Protein backbone atom coordinates (compact mmCIF):
# COMPACT_ATOMS: atom_id res chain seq x y z
CA UNK A 1 0.00 0.00 0.00
CA UNK A 2 2.80 2.35 0.90
CA UNK A 3 4.98 1.32 -2.08
CA UNK A 4 2.20 2.24 -4.50
CA UNK A 5 1.56 5.55 -2.71
CA UNK A 6 -2.01 4.59 -1.80
CA UNK A 7 -3.01 6.93 1.01
CA UNK A 8 -4.11 5.09 4.13
CA UNK A 9 -7.78 5.44 4.92
CA UNK A 10 -10.38 3.99 7.25
CA UNK A 11 -11.98 1.99 4.45
CA UNK A 12 -8.67 0.47 3.35
CA UNK A 13 -7.64 -0.55 6.87
CA UNK A 14 -11.12 -1.86 7.60
CA UNK A 15 -11.01 -4.04 4.49
CA UNK A 16 -7.60 -5.40 5.49
CA UNK A 17 -8.73 -6.12 9.06
CA UNK A 18 -11.82 -7.86 7.71
CA UNK A 19 -9.63 -10.00 5.43
CA UNK A 20 -7.48 -10.96 8.43
CA UNK A 21 -10.66 -11.89 10.30
CA UNK A 22 -11.79 -14.24 7.53
CA UNK A 23 -8.27 -15.62 7.24
CA UNK A 24 -8.07 -16.26 11.01
CA UNK A 25 -5.05 -13.99 11.44
CA UNK A 26 -5.97 -12.27 14.66
CA UNK A 27 -2.51 -10.94 15.50
CA UNK A 28 -2.15 -9.33 12.08
CA UNK A 29 -5.60 -7.77 12.48
CA UNK A 30 -4.50 -6.20 15.78
CA UNK A 31 -1.27 -4.91 14.20
CA UNK A 32 -3.25 -3.26 11.42
CA UNK A 33 -5.64 -1.76 13.95
CA UNK A 34 -2.75 -0.21 15.92
CA UNK A 35 -1.15 1.00 12.70
CA UNK A 36 -4.46 2.48 11.59
CA UNK A 37 -4.72 4.62 14.70
CA UNK A 38 -1.05 5.63 14.40
CA UNK A 39 -1.86 6.87 10.89
CA UNK A 40 -4.67 8.93 12.44
CA UNK A 41 -7.35 6.96 10.59
CA UNK A 42 -10.45 6.83 12.76
CA UNK A 43 -11.98 3.34 13.13
CA UNK A 44 -15.71 3.08 12.45
CA UNK A 45 -18.31 0.54 13.58
CA UNK A 46 -17.44 -1.80 10.71
CA UNK A 47 -13.77 -1.73 11.74
CA UNK A 48 -14.62 -2.62 15.33
CA UNK A 49 -17.00 -5.36 14.21
CA UNK A 50 -14.30 -7.00 12.10
CA UNK A 51 -11.78 -6.74 14.92
CA UNK A 52 -14.15 -8.23 17.51
CA UNK A 53 -14.89 -11.08 15.10
CA UNK A 54 -11.15 -11.66 14.57
CA UNK A 55 -10.63 -11.86 18.33
CA UNK A 56 -13.43 -14.41 18.55
CA UNK A 57 -11.96 -16.56 15.79
CA UNK A 58 -8.58 -16.32 17.48
CA UNK A 59 -10.04 -17.54 20.79
CA UNK A 60 -9.15 -14.27 22.49
CA UNK A 61 -12.42 -13.21 24.17
CA UNK A 62 -10.66 -10.91 26.62
CA UNK A 63 -9.29 -8.83 23.78
CA UNK A 64 -12.73 -8.81 22.15
CA UNK A 65 -14.17 -7.27 25.31
CA UNK A 66 -11.45 -4.62 25.32
CA UNK A 67 -12.27 -3.70 21.73
CA UNK A 68 -15.96 -3.59 22.64
CA UNK A 69 -15.30 -1.17 25.51
CA UNK A 70 -13.21 1.02 23.23
CA UNK A 71 -16.03 1.04 20.68
CA UNK A 72 -18.49 2.14 23.36
CA UNK A 73 -16.13 4.84 24.64
CA UNK A 74 -16.05 6.24 21.10
CA UNK A 75 -19.85 6.34 21.17
CA UNK A 76 -20.29 4.14 18.15
CA UNK A 77 -23.63 2.37 17.91
CA UNK A 78 -23.47 -1.44 17.89
CA UNK A 79 -25.23 -3.37 15.15
CA UNK A 80 -26.44 -6.94 14.78
CA UNK A 81 -22.95 -7.78 13.49
CA UNK A 82 -21.38 -6.29 16.62
CA UNK A 83 -23.51 -8.30 19.02
CA UNK A 84 -23.25 -11.46 16.96
CA UNK A 85 -19.44 -11.17 16.93
CA UNK A 86 -19.40 -10.62 20.70
CA UNK A 87 -21.71 -13.60 21.25
CA UNK A 88 -19.40 -15.71 19.07
CA UNK A 89 -16.31 -14.57 20.97
CA UNK A 90 -17.90 -15.33 24.35
CA UNK A 91 -19.02 -18.72 23.08
CA UNK A 92 -15.34 -19.57 22.55
CA UNK A 93 -14.36 -18.41 26.04
CA UNK A 94 -14.10 -20.23 29.35
CA UNK A 95 -17.40 -18.63 30.35
CA UNK A 96 -19.68 -19.21 27.33
CA UNK A 97 -22.67 -18.23 29.49
CA UNK A 98 -21.55 -14.62 29.07
CA UNK A 99 -22.87 -14.79 25.50
CA UNK A 100 -26.37 -14.54 27.00
CA UNK A 101 -25.57 -11.13 28.50
CA UNK A 102 -24.93 -9.75 25.05
CA UNK A 103 -28.04 -11.44 23.68
CA UNK A 104 -30.11 -9.74 26.37
CA UNK A 105 -28.40 -6.41 25.66
CA UNK A 106 -29.12 -6.93 21.98
CA UNK A 107 -32.82 -7.45 22.64
CA UNK A 108 -32.88 -4.45 24.98
CA UNK A 109 -31.48 -2.35 22.13
CA UNK A 110 -34.27 -3.69 19.90
CA UNK A 111 -31.79 -5.15 17.44
CA UNK A 112 -33.18 -8.20 15.65
CA UNK A 113 -30.97 -11.32 15.74
CA UNK A 114 -30.37 -13.26 12.53
CA UNK A 115 -29.66 -16.94 11.88
CA UNK A 116 -25.94 -16.38 12.47
CA UNK A 117 -26.68 -14.87 15.88
CA UNK A 118 -28.72 -17.91 16.85
CA UNK A 119 -26.02 -20.23 15.56
CA UNK A 120 -23.43 -18.54 17.79
CA UNK A 121 -25.83 -18.70 20.76
CA UNK A 122 -26.44 -22.39 20.17
CA UNK A 123 -22.71 -22.99 20.07
CA UNK A 124 -22.32 -21.15 23.38
CA UNK A 125 -25.06 -23.36 24.86
CA UNK A 126 -23.32 -26.52 23.67
CA UNK A 127 -20.09 -25.45 25.43
CA UNK A 128 -21.80 -24.34 28.63
CA UNK A 129 -21.48 -26.34 31.83
CA UNK A 130 -24.96 -25.29 32.91
CA UNK A 131 -27.40 -28.07 33.69
CA UNK A 132 -30.05 -26.06 31.84
CA UNK A 133 -28.13 -25.70 28.58
CA UNK A 134 -30.39 -28.13 26.71
CA UNK A 135 -33.52 -26.24 27.75
CA UNK A 136 -31.86 -22.94 26.88
CA UNK A 137 -30.95 -24.22 23.41
CA UNK A 138 -34.45 -25.57 22.82
CA UNK A 139 -35.88 -22.22 23.92
CA UNK A 140 -33.67 -20.49 21.35
CA UNK A 141 -34.85 -22.89 18.67
CA UNK A 142 -38.46 -22.08 19.52
CA UNK A 143 -37.62 -18.37 19.38
CA UNK A 144 -36.12 -18.88 15.92
CA UNK A 145 -39.30 -20.53 14.71
CA UNK A 146 -41.46 -17.71 16.06
CA UNK A 147 -39.29 -15.20 14.21
CA UNK A 148 -39.49 -17.21 10.98
CA UNK A 149 -35.76 -17.97 10.97
CA UNK A 150 -34.75 -21.43 9.75
CA UNK A 151 -31.77 -23.11 11.35
CA UNK A 152 -28.84 -24.06 9.14
CA UNK A 153 -26.53 -27.07 9.51
CA UNK A 154 -24.23 -25.26 11.97
CA UNK A 155 -27.14 -24.21 14.21
CA UNK A 156 -28.75 -27.66 14.18
CA UNK A 157 -25.40 -29.23 15.00
CA UNK A 158 -24.91 -26.97 18.02
CA UNK A 159 -28.52 -27.54 19.17
CA UNK A 160 -28.13 -31.31 18.93
CA UNK A 161 -24.83 -31.15 20.81
CA UNK A 162 -26.48 -29.14 23.60
CA UNK A 163 -29.28 -31.72 23.95
CA UNK A 164 -27.28 -34.93 23.68
CA UNK A 165 -26.74 -35.49 27.42
CA UNK A 166 -30.14 -34.52 28.84
CA UNK A 167 -32.45 -35.37 25.97
CA UNK A 168 -30.94 -38.11 23.75
CA UNK A 169 -34.42 -38.95 22.45
CA UNK A 170 -34.87 -35.31 21.40
CA UNK A 171 -31.69 -35.55 19.36
CA UNK A 172 -33.26 -38.08 17.00
CA UNK A 173 -36.32 -35.84 16.64
CA UNK A 174 -34.13 -32.89 15.71
CA UNK A 175 -32.24 -35.05 13.24
CA UNK A 176 -35.55 -36.01 11.61
CA UNK A 177 -36.44 -32.31 11.50
CA UNK A 178 -33.17 -31.62 9.68
CA UNK A 179 -33.97 -34.28 7.11
CA UNK A 180 -37.47 -32.92 6.63
CA UNK A 181 -36.12 -29.42 6.02
CA UNK A 182 -33.39 -30.86 3.75
CA UNK A 183 -30.61 -29.47 5.91
CA UNK A 184 -27.56 -31.69 5.44
CA UNK A 185 -25.92 -32.73 8.74
CA UNK A 186 -22.18 -32.27 9.04
CA UNK A 187 -19.76 -34.95 10.23
CA UNK A 188 -19.94 -33.90 13.89
CA UNK A 189 -23.73 -33.97 13.89
CA UNK A 190 -23.80 -37.51 12.51
CA UNK A 191 -21.46 -38.65 15.30
CA UNK A 192 -23.59 -37.02 17.98
CA UNK A 193 -26.85 -38.44 16.62
CA UNK A 194 -25.47 -41.99 16.41
CA UNK A 195 -24.16 -41.73 19.98
CA UNK A 196 -27.54 -40.42 21.17
CA UNK A 197 -29.31 -43.33 19.45
CA UNK A 198 -26.95 -45.71 21.26
CA UNK A 199 -27.64 -44.05 24.62
CA UNK A 200 -31.41 -44.22 24.13
CA UNK A 201 -31.27 -47.91 23.07
CA UNK A 202 -32.14 -47.20 19.43
CA UNK A 203 -29.49 -49.32 17.76
CA UNK A 204 -31.58 -49.81 14.62
CA UNK A 205 -32.02 -46.07 14.31
CA UNK A 206 -28.27 -45.59 14.77
CA UNK A 207 -27.65 -47.97 11.87
CA UNK A 208 -30.09 -46.01 9.68
CA UNK A 209 -28.34 -42.72 10.47
CA UNK A 210 -24.95 -44.31 9.80
CA UNK A 211 -26.18 -45.61 6.45
CA UNK A 212 -27.51 -42.16 5.52
CA UNK A 213 -24.14 -40.64 6.37
CA UNK A 214 -22.33 -43.04 4.05
CA UNK A 215 -24.80 -42.33 1.27
CA UNK A 216 -24.22 -38.59 1.66
CA UNK A 217 -20.54 -39.12 0.87
CA UNK A 218 -17.99 -36.33 1.04
CA UNK A 219 -16.18 -35.68 4.31
CA UNK A 220 -18.99 -37.32 6.29
CA UNK A 221 -18.15 -40.67 4.70
CA UNK A 222 -14.72 -40.64 6.35
CA UNK A 223 -16.10 -39.56 9.71
CA UNK A 224 -14.01 -41.35 12.34
CA UNK A 225 -16.24 -40.23 15.21
CA UNK A 226 -19.35 -41.68 13.55
CA UNK A 227 -17.63 -45.01 12.90
CA UNK A 228 -16.52 -45.19 16.55
CA UNK A 229 -20.03 -44.32 17.73
CA UNK A 230 -21.56 -47.00 15.48
CA UNK A 231 -19.08 -49.62 16.70
CA UNK A 232 -19.98 -48.78 20.28
CA UNK A 233 -23.68 -49.15 19.41
CA UNK A 234 -22.97 -52.72 18.26
CA UNK A 235 -22.93 -53.72 21.91
CA UNK A 236 -26.73 -53.60 22.14
CA UNK A 237 -29.91 -54.23 20.18
CA UNK A 238 -29.76 -56.43 17.10
CA UNK A 239 -26.16 -55.48 16.37
CA UNK A 240 -23.43 -57.82 17.53
CA UNK A 241 -19.69 -58.10 17.92
CA UNK A 242 -19.50 -59.47 14.36
CA UNK A 243 -20.96 -56.19 13.08
CA UNK A 244 -18.32 -54.29 15.04
CA UNK A 245 -15.54 -56.50 13.65
CA UNK A 246 -16.86 -55.99 10.13
CA UNK A 247 -16.80 -52.21 10.62
CA UNK A 248 -13.26 -52.39 11.95
CA UNK A 249 -12.14 -54.39 8.92
CA UNK A 250 -13.84 -51.86 6.62
CA UNK A 251 -11.94 -49.06 8.35
CA UNK A 252 -8.65 -50.92 8.03
CA UNK A 253 -9.13 -51.48 4.30
CA UNK A 254 -11.07 -48.42 3.13
CA UNK A 255 -10.74 -45.83 5.90
CA UNK A 256 -11.04 -43.85 7.98
CA UNK A 257 -8.04 -45.29 9.79
CA UNK A 258 -8.98 -46.71 13.20
CA UNK A 259 -7.66 -44.88 16.24
CA UNK A 260 -7.12 -45.96 19.84
CA UNK A 261 -10.80 -45.39 20.64
CA UNK A 262 -11.82 -47.70 17.78
CA UNK A 263 -9.61 -50.55 18.91
CA UNK A 264 -10.41 -50.21 22.61
CA UNK A 265 -14.16 -50.16 21.89
CA UNK A 266 -13.94 -53.36 19.82
CA UNK A 267 -11.84 -54.99 22.54
CA UNK A 268 -14.47 -54.03 25.10
CA UNK A 269 -17.11 -55.77 22.99
CA UNK A 270 -14.87 -58.85 22.62
CA UNK A 271 -14.52 -58.98 26.39
CA UNK A 272 -18.28 -58.77 26.89
CA UNK A 273 -18.91 -61.49 24.29
CA UNK A 274 -16.24 -63.76 25.79
CA UNK A 275 -14.41 -64.00 22.45
CA UNK A 276 -10.75 -64.07 23.59
CA UNK A 277 -9.20 -65.02 20.22
CA UNK A 278 -10.88 -62.03 18.58
CA UNK A 279 -9.77 -59.81 21.46
CA UNK A 280 -6.12 -60.77 20.97
CA UNK A 281 -6.28 -60.30 17.21
CA UNK A 282 -7.74 -56.81 17.71
CA UNK A 283 -5.05 -56.11 20.32
CA UNK A 284 -2.29 -57.17 17.91
CA UNK A 285 -3.78 -55.01 15.15
CA UNK A 286 -3.87 -52.09 17.57
CA UNK A 287 -0.18 -52.57 18.45
CA UNK A 288 0.82 -52.79 14.78
CA UNK A 289 -1.17 -49.67 13.92
CA UNK A 290 0.99 -47.49 16.16
CA UNK A 291 -1.98 -46.41 18.30
CA UNK A 292 -1.32 -45.82 21.99
CA UNK A 293 -2.08 -48.93 24.05
CA UNK A 294 -3.45 -48.06 27.47
CA UNK A 295 -3.79 -50.04 30.68
CA UNK A 296 -7.45 -50.90 30.06
CA UNK A 297 -6.72 -52.53 26.70
CA UNK A 298 -3.87 -54.47 28.27
CA UNK A 299 -6.24 -55.67 30.98
CA UNK A 300 -8.68 -56.93 28.35
CA UNK A 301 -5.81 -58.66 26.53
CA UNK A 302 -4.76 -60.27 29.82
CA UNK A 303 -8.31 -61.45 30.35
CA UNK A 304 -8.21 -63.05 26.88
CA UNK A 305 -4.91 -64.77 27.77
CA UNK A 306 -6.52 -66.10 30.92
CA UNK A 307 -9.51 -67.50 29.03
CA UNK A 308 -7.18 -69.18 26.49
CA UNK A 309 -4.77 -70.39 29.20
CA UNK A 310 -1.97 -68.67 27.28
CA UNK A 311 0.56 -68.35 30.11
CA UNK A 312 3.53 -67.14 28.04
CA UNK A 313 1.59 -64.36 26.36
CA UNK A 314 0.04 -63.26 29.64
CA UNK A 315 3.41 -63.05 31.43
CA UNK A 316 5.02 -61.21 28.52
CA UNK A 317 2.18 -58.70 28.51
CA UNK A 318 2.36 -58.27 32.27
CA UNK A 319 6.10 -57.59 31.98
CA UNK A 320 5.36 -54.93 29.36
CA UNK A 321 2.81 -53.33 31.67
CA UNK A 322 5.32 -53.15 34.51
CA UNK A 323 7.85 -51.49 32.22
CA UNK A 324 5.15 -49.00 31.23
CA UNK A 325 4.92 -48.00 34.93
CA UNK A 326 1.22 -48.64 35.27
CA UNK A 327 0.30 -49.41 38.92
CA UNK A 328 0.11 -53.21 39.11
CA UNK A 329 -2.56 -52.95 41.81
CA UNK A 330 -4.88 -51.47 39.22
CA UNK A 331 -4.41 -54.29 36.71
CA UNK A 332 -5.85 -57.76 36.60
CA UNK A 333 -2.50 -59.30 35.65
CA UNK A 334 -1.83 -61.19 38.93
CA UNK A 335 -5.25 -62.83 38.78
CA UNK A 336 -4.97 -63.70 35.10
CA UNK A 337 -1.48 -65.14 35.36
CA UNK A 338 -2.08 -67.09 38.57
CA UNK A 339 -5.26 -68.54 37.12
CA UNK A 340 -3.42 -69.60 33.98
CA UNK A 341 -0.62 -71.18 36.04
CA UNK A 342 -3.17 -73.13 38.05
CA UNK A 343 -4.62 -74.50 34.84
CA UNK A 344 -1.12 -75.32 33.57
CA UNK A 345 -0.30 -77.22 36.71
CA UNK A 346 -3.36 -79.39 36.25
CA UNK A 347 -2.41 -80.12 32.65
CA UNK A 348 -5.12 -77.95 31.19
CA UNK A 349 -2.90 -75.39 29.47
CA UNK A 350 -3.62 -75.11 25.77
CA UNK A 351 -2.59 -72.94 22.85
CA UNK A 352 -5.09 -70.83 20.99
CA UNK A 353 -6.62 -72.89 18.23
CA UNK A 354 -5.75 -71.86 14.68
CA UNK A 355 -9.27 -72.75 13.52
CA UNK A 356 -11.81 -69.94 13.45
CA UNK A 357 -15.47 -70.47 14.10
CA UNK A 358 -18.11 -69.29 11.64
CA UNK A 359 -18.93 -66.20 13.67
CA UNK A 360 -15.47 -64.66 13.27
CA UNK A 361 -14.40 -62.63 10.25
CA UNK A 362 -11.12 -63.17 8.42
CA UNK A 363 -8.54 -60.49 9.04
CA UNK A 364 -6.37 -58.58 6.64
CA UNK A 365 -3.69 -58.51 9.32
CA UNK A 366 -2.74 -61.90 10.79
CA UNK A 367 -2.27 -61.85 14.55
CA UNK A 368 1.28 -62.57 15.62
CA UNK A 369 0.63 -62.75 19.37
CA UNK A 370 3.66 -60.58 20.07
CA UNK A 371 4.23 -58.26 22.98
CA UNK A 372 3.49 -54.60 22.09
């Protein structure tokens, strides 16, 4: 700007600050703001709005409040953009409930909120620790309807997230409402809905939502959270461990790549189903994948060793756990190993059979039964 002899002006600086806001470059936006004042260019309401928004995107709510106070001291009138930016910044803070103060101030100023305002408020509700956050979010949704404002994907996602703990059944209703209005859920919404279906014992419904997500394609199709939620749902209803194992194999071959949560959830289901050979194969696949193996997964693997009377594997795993400095008093290793030794002493020790029963899928990765 200086090299081309373009005189600095409020409009030029405001445009640059706005670009920094959209580009999530908060620090650069603040530098331009300071430079603007040094050049004796007076910020206007649009400048302050862009700067407040930049602070919100940069997770710096304290700075957003400082800019807001400066704007007020300059007697500039706030607009719907001002309040919406402040609500968004507070929603990112450690006290998201403060967003409601600006919403109340907005209404007191008789400034009409728009769908973006409600989306930011919903997001603040979803992050709140208040026990009433679900009711607050549902109240906002009702307010939107009365004002004739339709929720978009972002707003629905935040609303569903706010309701997932208190009203899991309501989550499925809101999802149906999204489908009716032809609002496409994002990846996070699919994960939340599937988890809510699992919590409210609607495994069949979870499978339907999961199928819809895969049909939608795009980024949702590679949604790790949704896959993990669906695998967890396989522990109830008409879904079984075999369904979970099939999903795991699909992830290993087609993606998304399984993470530690994926493997530990499948191992949990193996433990519940008393399928020790499957548990050890999943454990080996987890070790080979490079995912972090925690104490709980090792405990489940030890339990599988106990059921199979695999003394050597159990002792090797217990030795690994000791080297990992996990408190032995919090593991089931002594019980598993002593039980296996008792069986060995009575001549009952046996190796895991290489034959697989008809319920178990074939694996792309052959288990090696090696210590992680």
